[in-house]
Amino acid sequence: MSAISRRQALALALGAGAFAATAAQSAAVTVAVAPRVAGPILLNYNENPLGPGPKARAAIAASIDRGSRYVGVEGDRLIAAIAAHEAVAPERIALGSGSGELLNMLALGWATRGAVTCAWPTFGQLMSFAGEVGATVRRVPLDARLRHDANAIDEASPAGTGLVYLCNPNNPTGTVLPGASMRELCLRLASRTLVVVDEAYMDFVEPGATESMVGLARGDADVVVLRTFSKLHGLAGLRVGYAIGRPDTIARLRSLEMVSPNLPGIVAATASLGDAEFIEHSRSTLMADRRRVTTACRELDMACSDSHGNFVFVRTGLSATEFRDRMRSFGIEVGRPFPPLNDWSRISLGRPEENTALIEALRALRSGRSVRAA
């Protein structure tokens, strides 16, 4: 079945008046974004379809002439830029090929033949790698609001635990712990083990909902905070992330580097940090559409978590696999299953017109209609 066109989707989901307003708003935006690629609407991997931003793309193009060289001073420049951005010393920063490499490095260095505690479901990469190096993984169920259960995680992490992994906002639910609760949990745990706080989605948090733990990573607490250029900056395919922590922890982490960083990614990340216009456009666009999609889902009696990521987490009334298959019939790809929440689906946010097409597809699905191109 064919996917609906942008104009059809906007007209169907918003009405003609809203479509005119949306078109006028779009015309007013001056930030250039990446062109839409033909094919299915990809709402399955929590990518940012608006990026890379203009300054990042210019830096990538300029780096081509140095493509035969390994990263040199460019890596130092990115570390310096991150250090200034996060108000920390450069020796508190470690780079990774995405936060994924850093998660593997942390598992290798702190969890080999040890134990890891995490909430569940959550982003599973660290735990998967830890299992490969002989670790025991303690998975603590989310609470009734699909948030980390702070007391249960604390109780499941006795002395001798290799590390505790906390994803805030959590993936796939998008939920957060309040800042004070998160800080208290981190400090309790850090008195006896390393605490890894994955803040890949922190840039999309509604004001006041939670706080970054970078403040703890700037001090003496045994806390490492992970950030990525994959989400807000739209550089997922270029694989750049970083860790912030104590100098001794970061020195050990750097010694576990698995792959050399890539030059286009490093220079793109450095440039993107200075692209305030694109960053604000990216954040505001995705957050506005998260509210819009969440409202539409709830109007369709589809429960949603309180997501603070660049995605929504929706109880669809179908198994995750069946819902994924049904959405494919509308030309839309959504996320994989996240057991044991088997009737929930993680749906990434796309461009505004793609999110409009998603809303229309959900309405059609709930009403039993089909959506066809004219």
Protein backbone atom coordinates (compact mmCIF):
# COMPACT_ATOMS: atom_id res chain seq x y z
CA MET A 1 0.00 0.00 0.00
CA SER A 2 1.43 3.38 -0.91
CA ALA A 3 2.38 5.95 1.70
CA ILE A 4 0.38 9.17 1.67
CA SER A 5 1.97 12.33 0.35
CA ARG A 6 3.12 15.17 2.56
CA ARG A 7 0.28 17.47 1.43
CA GLN A 8 -2.36 14.77 1.87
CA ALA A 9 -1.10 13.91 5.32
CA LEU A 10 -1.09 17.51 6.49
CA ALA A 11 -4.57 18.15 5.11
CA LEU A 12 -6.02 14.95 6.58
CA ALA A 13 -4.46 15.17 10.02
CA LEU A 14 -4.55 18.91 10.64
CA GLY A 15 -7.25 20.29 8.39
CA ALA A 16 -6.85 22.90 5.67
CA GLY A 17 -6.49 25.85 8.05
CA ALA A 18 -3.82 24.18 10.12
CA PHE A 19 -2.03 23.13 6.94
CA ALA A 20 -1.87 26.73 5.78
CA ALA A 21 -0.45 27.81 9.14
CA THR A 22 2.09 25.01 9.12
CA ALA A 23 3.19 25.90 5.61
CA ALA A 24 3.65 29.53 6.62
CA GLN A 25 5.73 28.50 9.66
CA SER A 26 7.87 26.22 7.52
CA ALA A 27 8.51 29.02 5.05
CA ALA A 28 9.72 31.24 7.91
CA VAL A 29 12.38 28.79 9.06
CA THR A 30 15.81 29.79 7.75
CA VAL A 31 17.83 26.84 9.06
CA ALA A 32 18.81 24.48 6.23
CA VAL A 33 18.30 20.80 7.04
CA ALA A 34 19.17 17.55 5.31
CA PRO A 35 16.96 16.64 2.33
CA ARG A 36 14.23 14.02 2.73
CA VAL A 37 15.37 10.66 1.35
CA ALA A 38 12.82 8.72 -0.73
CA GLY A 39 11.45 5.48 0.68
CA PRO A 40 9.62 4.45 3.87
CA ILE A 41 9.23 6.94 6.70
CA LEU A 42 11.88 5.81 9.20
CA LEU A 43 10.59 6.24 12.75
CA ASN A 44 12.43 3.27 14.22
CA TYR A 45 15.96 4.17 15.35
CA ASN A 46 15.60 7.48 17.27
CA GLU A 47 17.55 9.36 14.62
CA ASN A 48 17.25 13.09 14.04
CA PRO A 49 16.09 13.53 10.42
CA LEU A 50 16.82 17.27 10.51
CA GLY A 51 20.58 16.90 10.69
CA PRO A 52 23.44 17.25 10.19
CA GLY A 53 23.19 20.99 10.57
CA PRO A 54 24.67 23.48 8.10
CA LYS A 55 27.96 24.04 9.94
CA ALA A 56 28.49 20.30 10.43
CA ARG A 57 27.87 19.62 6.74
CA ALA A 58 30.34 22.32 5.74
CA ALA A 59 32.96 20.83 8.06
CA ILE A 60 32.38 17.34 6.63
CA ALA A 61 32.86 18.63 3.09
CA ALA A 62 36.02 20.50 4.07
CA SER A 63 37.47 17.37 5.71
CA ILE A 64 37.41 15.31 2.51
CA ASP A 65 40.84 16.50 1.42
CA ARG A 66 42.24 15.10 4.68
CA GLY A 67 40.37 11.84 4.35
CA SER A 68 43.62 9.93 3.84
CA ARG A 69 44.87 10.98 7.29
CA TYR A 70 44.08 9.72 10.75
CA VAL A 71 42.55 12.04 13.33
CA GLY A 72 45.22 14.19 14.98
CA VAL A 73 44.78 17.65 16.41
CA GLU A 74 41.11 17.51 15.34
CA GLY A 75 40.42 15.19 18.27
CA ASP A 76 42.11 17.57 20.69
CA ARG A 77 40.05 20.44 19.31
CA LEU A 78 36.81 18.53 19.87
CA ILE A 79 37.82 17.64 23.43
CA ALA A 80 38.61 21.30 24.08
CA ALA A 81 35.26 22.36 22.63
CA ILE A 82 33.36 19.80 24.73
CA ALA A 83 35.30 20.78 27.84
CA ALA A 84 34.33 24.42 27.34
CA HIS A 85 30.71 23.45 26.61
CA GLU A 86 30.44 21.28 29.74
CA ALA A 87 32.63 23.51 31.97
CA VAL A 88 35.12 20.75 32.79
CA ALA A 89 38.84 20.22 32.29
CA PRO A 90 39.88 18.35 29.11
CA GLU A 91 41.27 15.46 31.18
CA ARG A 92 37.70 14.74 32.26
CA ILE A 93 36.59 13.99 28.67
CA ALA A 94 36.89 10.74 26.72
CA LEU A 95 35.74 10.45 23.13
CA GLY A 96 34.06 7.40 21.62
CA SER A 97 32.74 6.24 18.29
CA GLY A 98 29.25 7.05 19.43
CA SER A 99 28.32 6.48 23.05
CA GLY A 100 28.01 2.82 21.98
CA GLU A 101 31.78 2.34 21.99
CA LEU A 102 32.02 4.03 25.38
CA LEU A 103 29.36 1.66 26.76
CA ASN A 104 31.38 -1.31 25.53
CA MET A 105 34.58 0.15 27.01
CA LEU A 106 32.88 0.64 30.38
CA ALA A 107 31.60 -2.94 30.38
CA LEU A 108 35.06 -4.24 29.50
CA GLY A 109 36.85 -2.17 32.11
CA TRP A 110 34.48 -2.41 35.05
CA ALA A 111 32.19 -5.41 34.57
CA THR A 112 34.33 -8.28 33.22
CA ARG A 113 33.37 -11.35 35.26
CA GLY A 114 31.58 -9.00 37.66
CA ALA A 115 28.01 -7.74 37.99
CA VAL A 116 25.99 -4.96 36.40
CA THR A 117 22.68 -3.51 37.61
CA CYS A 118 20.22 -1.71 35.34
CA ALA A 119 16.55 -0.88 35.02
CA TRP A 120 14.59 -2.94 32.51
CA PRO A 121 13.67 -2.40 29.77
CA THR A 122 16.37 0.11 28.94
CA PHE A 123 19.02 0.66 26.28
CA GLY A 124 20.72 -2.71 26.38
CA GLN A 125 24.11 -2.26 24.72
CA LEU A 126 26.26 -2.13 27.85
CA MET A 127 24.49 -5.11 29.36
CA SER A 128 24.82 -7.15 26.15
CA PHE A 129 28.57 -6.53 26.00
CA ALA A 130 28.93 -7.16 29.73
CA GLY A 131 27.31 -10.55 29.25
CA GLU A 132 29.85 -11.35 26.53
CA VAL A 133 32.72 -10.68 28.96
CA GLY A 134 31.28 -12.87 31.71
CA ALA A 135 29.28 -10.38 33.78
CA THR A 136 26.08 -11.13 35.66
CA VAL A 137 23.34 -8.67 34.74
CA ARG A 138 20.73 -7.73 37.33
CA ARG A 139 17.67 -6.29 35.58
CA VAL A 140 15.34 -4.31 37.83
CA PRO A 141 11.77 -3.81 36.50
CA LEU A 142 10.57 -0.26 35.89
CA ASP A 143 7.99 1.11 38.30
CA ALA A 144 4.28 1.53 37.55
CA ARG A 145 5.00 4.83 35.75
CA LEU A 146 7.66 3.15 33.58
CA ARG A 147 10.45 4.99 35.41
CA HIS A 148 13.60 3.71 37.09
CA ASP A 149 12.71 2.26 40.52
CA ALA A 150 15.39 4.01 42.57
CA ASN A 151 15.00 2.00 45.78
CA ALA A 152 14.91 -1.34 43.96
CA ILE A 153 18.03 -0.46 41.94
CA ASP A 154 19.83 0.57 45.12
CA GLU A 155 18.89 -2.70 46.84
CA ALA A 156 20.01 -4.74 43.81
CA SER A 157 23.48 -3.15 43.81
CA PRO A 158 25.48 -4.31 46.85
CA ALA A 159 29.16 -3.64 47.41
CA GLY A 160 31.18 -5.48 44.80
CA THR A 161 28.87 -4.55 41.92
CA GLY A 162 30.99 -3.65 38.88
CA LEU A 163 28.82 -0.75 37.77
CA VAL A 164 25.24 0.51 37.68
CA TYR A 165 23.79 1.74 34.40
CA LEU A 166 21.12 4.46 34.54
CA CYS A 167 19.56 5.79 31.33
CA ASN A 168 17.90 9.15 32.03
CA PRO A 169 15.76 9.84 29.99
CA ASN A 170 15.24 6.14 29.62
CA ASN A 171 15.18 4.40 26.24
CA PRO A 172 12.61 3.07 25.22
CA THR A 173 10.16 4.71 27.62
CA GLY A 174 11.48 8.28 27.57
CA THR A 175 10.72 8.60 31.28
CA VAL A 176 12.91 10.43 33.78
CA LEU A 177 13.56 10.56 37.49
CA PRO A 178 13.30 14.00 39.08
CA GLY A 179 16.66 15.70 39.45
CA ALA A 180 16.84 15.45 43.24
CA SER A 181 15.89 11.75 43.20
CA MET A 182 18.43 11.02 40.48
CA ARG A 183 21.21 12.83 42.31
CA GLU A 184 20.44 11.07 45.59
CA LEU A 185 20.43 7.66 43.88
CA CYS A 186 23.72 8.36 42.09
CA LEU A 187 25.45 9.47 45.28
CA ARG A 188 24.23 6.44 47.24
CA LEU A 189 25.41 4.06 44.52
CA ALA A 190 28.68 5.91 43.85
CA SER A 191 29.78 5.30 47.45
CA ARG A 192 30.31 1.64 46.50
CA THR A 193 30.47 1.31 42.69
CA LEU A 194 30.81 3.17 39.39
CA VAL A 195 27.60 4.81 38.20
CA VAL A 196 27.14 5.29 34.45
CA VAL A 197 24.45 7.84 33.55
CA ASP A 198 23.47 7.73 29.89
CA GLU A 199 22.09 11.14 28.92
CA ALA A 200 21.71 10.63 25.18
CA TYR A 201 18.28 12.31 25.27
CA MET A 202 18.87 14.98 27.93
CA ASP A 203 18.64 17.76 25.33
CA PHE A 204 14.93 16.99 24.78
CA VAL A 205 13.79 17.14 28.43
CA GLU A 206 10.87 19.39 29.29
CA PRO A 207 12.01 22.19 31.64
CA GLY A 208 12.17 21.12 35.28
CA ALA A 209 11.44 17.42 34.68
CA THR A 210 14.93 16.21 35.61
CA GLU A 211 18.55 17.37 35.71
CA SER A 212 21.82 16.37 34.14
CA MET A 213 24.28 14.59 36.43
CA VAL A 214 27.23 16.38 34.84
CA GLY A 215 27.53 18.34 38.07
CA LEU A 216 28.44 15.10 39.87
CA ALA A 217 30.84 14.10 37.09
CA ARG A 218 32.65 17.44 37.53
CA GLY A 219 33.48 16.53 41.13
CA ASP A 220 34.86 13.52 43.00
CA ALA A 221 31.82 11.23 42.81
CA ASP A 222 32.37 7.89 41.04
CA VAL A 223 29.98 8.92 38.26
CA VAL A 224 30.45 8.91 34.48
CA VAL A 225 27.99 10.80 32.28
CA LEU A 226 27.63 9.82 28.63
CA ARG A 227 26.47 12.19 25.90
CA THR A 228 26.17 11.76 22.14
CA PHE A 229 26.11 13.77 18.93
CA SER A 230 23.66 11.27 17.41
CA LYS A 231 20.41 12.81 18.62
CA LEU A 232 20.17 16.60 18.94
CA HIS A 233 23.03 17.17 16.49
CA GLY A 234 21.77 14.68 13.88
CA LEU A 235 25.13 12.88 13.48
CA ALA A 236 24.10 9.29 14.20
CA GLY A 237 25.78 7.91 11.10
CA LEU A 238 29.09 9.61 11.96
CA ARG A 239 29.43 7.97 15.40
CA VAL A 240 30.68 10.50 17.93
CA GLY A 241 30.01 10.43 21.66
CA TYR A 242 31.80 11.42 24.85
CA ALA A 243 32.12 10.60 28.52
CA ILE A 244 32.61 12.99 31.44
CA GLY A 245 34.07 11.81 34.72
CA ARG A 246 36.93 11.93 37.22
CA PRO A 247 40.40 12.21 35.65
CA ASP A 248 41.45 8.77 36.94
CA THR A 249 38.32 7.13 35.55
CA ILE A 250 38.67 8.91 32.20
CA ALA A 251 42.35 7.94 31.91
CA ARG A 252 41.42 4.29 32.41
CA LEU A 253 38.54 4.60 29.97
CA ARG A 254 40.75 6.16 27.29
CA SER A 255 43.14 3.20 27.60
CA LEU A 256 40.32 0.89 26.51
CA GLU A 257 39.64 2.66 23.19
CA MET A 258 38.53 0.04 20.66
CA VAL A 259 38.57 1.91 17.34
CA SER A 260 40.12 5.10 16.00
CA PRO A 261 37.70 8.01 15.67
CA ASN A 262 36.66 9.06 12.18
CA LEU A 263 37.71 12.44 10.84
CA PRO A 264 34.38 13.59 9.30
CA GLY A 265 32.57 12.79 12.55
CA ILE A 266 35.09 14.59 14.74
CA VAL A 267 35.09 17.81 12.71
CA ALA A 268 31.30 17.70 12.27
CA ALA A 269 30.77 17.41 16.02
CA THR A 270 33.14 20.31 16.71
CA ALA A 271 31.33 22.50 14.19
CA SER A 272 27.88 21.47 15.42
CA LEU A 273 28.65 22.54 18.97
CA GLY A 274 28.97 26.06 17.59
CA ASP A 275 25.80 25.95 15.48
CA ALA A 276 23.41 27.50 17.99
CA GLU A 277 20.73 28.25 15.39
CA PHE A 278 20.50 24.67 14.16
CA ILE A 279 20.64 23.22 17.69
CA GLU A 280 17.73 25.37 18.84
CA HIS A 281 15.75 24.62 15.68
CA SER A 282 16.36 20.90 16.11
CA ARG A 283 15.36 20.89 19.77
CA SER A 284 12.26 23.05 19.44
CA THR A 285 10.98 21.26 16.33
CA LEU A 286 11.30 17.78 17.81
CA MET A 287 9.89 18.75 21.21
CA ALA A 288 6.89 20.47 19.63
CA ASP A 289 6.14 17.42 17.53
CA ARG A 290 6.56 15.10 20.51
CA ARG A 291 3.79 17.02 22.24
CA ARG A 292 1.67 16.92 19.08
CA VAL A 293 2.07 13.17 18.52
CA THR A 294 1.51 12.41 22.22
CA THR A 295 -1.70 14.44 22.23
CA ALA A 296 -2.94 12.67 19.10
CA CYS A 297 -2.21 9.24 20.57
CA ARG A 298 -4.03 10.03 23.79
CA GLU A 299 -7.01 11.34 21.84
CA LEU A 300 -7.09 7.89 20.20
CA ASP A 301 -7.15 6.26 23.68
CA MET A 302 -3.61 5.00 23.22
CA ALA A 303 -1.70 5.33 26.49
CA CYS A 304 1.67 7.06 26.28
CA SER A 305 4.54 7.26 28.72
CA ASP A 306 5.76 10.71 29.74
CA SER A 307 8.53 10.71 27.15
CA HIS A 308 11.39 13.19 27.22
CA GLY A 309 13.26 11.73 24.24
CA ASN A 310 13.03 12.27 20.51
CA PHE A 311 10.42 9.52 20.44
CA VAL A 312 7.12 8.50 22.01
CA PHE A 313 6.32 5.21 23.74
CA VAL A 314 2.77 4.12 23.02
CA ARG A 315 0.51 1.29 24.17
CA THR A 316 -1.03 0.30 20.87
CA GLY A 317 -3.42 -2.52 21.80
CA LEU A 318 -1.45 -4.85 19.49
CA SER A 319 1.71 -6.85 19.96
CA ALA A 320 4.77 -4.85 19.00
CA THR A 321 5.44 -7.10 16.03
CA GLU A 322 1.86 -6.91 14.75
CA PHE A 323 1.78 -3.14 15.17
CA ARG A 324 5.09 -2.87 13.30
CA ASP A 325 3.68 -4.95 10.44
CA ARG A 326 0.50 -2.87 10.30
CA MET A 327 2.47 0.38 10.21
CA ARG A 328 4.61 -0.95 7.38
CA SER A 329 1.43 -1.18 5.31
CA PHE A 330 1.26 2.62 5.65
CA GLY A 331 4.89 3.00 4.60
CA ILE A 332 6.11 3.72 8.14
CA GLU A 333 8.82 1.86 10.07
CA VAL A 334 8.53 1.86 13.88
CA GLY A 335 10.61 0.37 16.69
CA ARG A 336 11.26 -3.23 17.65
CA PRO A 337 9.65 -5.03 20.62
CA PHE A 338 10.86 -4.23 24.14
CA PRO A 339 9.92 -7.19 26.36
CA PRO A 340 8.20 -7.44 28.73
CA LEU A 341 6.26 -4.39 27.48
CA ASN A 342 5.08 -6.39 24.51
CA ASP A 343 2.04 -4.29 23.57
CA TRP A 344 3.95 -1.01 23.59
CA SER A 345 5.80 0.53 20.65
CA ARG A 346 8.62 3.06 20.56
CA ILE A 347 7.98 5.49 17.70
CA SER A 348 10.77 7.89 16.81
CA LEU A 349 9.96 11.43 15.77
CA GLY A 350 10.56 12.37 12.16
CA ARG A 351 10.18 15.59 10.25
CA PRO A 352 6.94 17.49 10.94
CA GLU A 353 5.32 16.20 7.75
CA GLU A 354 6.37 12.63 8.61
CA ASN A 355 4.87 12.97 12.08
CA THR A 356 1.67 14.22 10.48
CA ALA A 357 1.62 11.13 8.27
CA LEU A 358 2.14 9.02 11.40
CA ILE A 359 -0.85 10.64 13.10
CA GLU A 360 -3.07 9.98 10.10
CA ALA A 361 -1.89 6.38 9.92
CA LEU A 362 -2.68 5.87 13.61
CA ARG A 363 -6.15 7.34 13.10
CA ALA A 364 -6.71 5.07 10.13
CA LEU A 365 -5.47 2.06 12.08
CA ARG A 366 -7.80 2.76 14.99
CA SER A 367 -10.78 3.29 12.70
CA GLY A 368 -10.05 0.38 10.39
CA ARG A 369 -9.50 2.63 7.37
CA SER A 370 -6.73 2.31 4.83
CA VAL A 371 -4.59 5.23 3.71
CA ARG A 372 -3.83 5.46 0.00
CA ALA A 373 -2.09 7.94 -2.21
CA ALA A 374 -4.34 9.89 -4.53
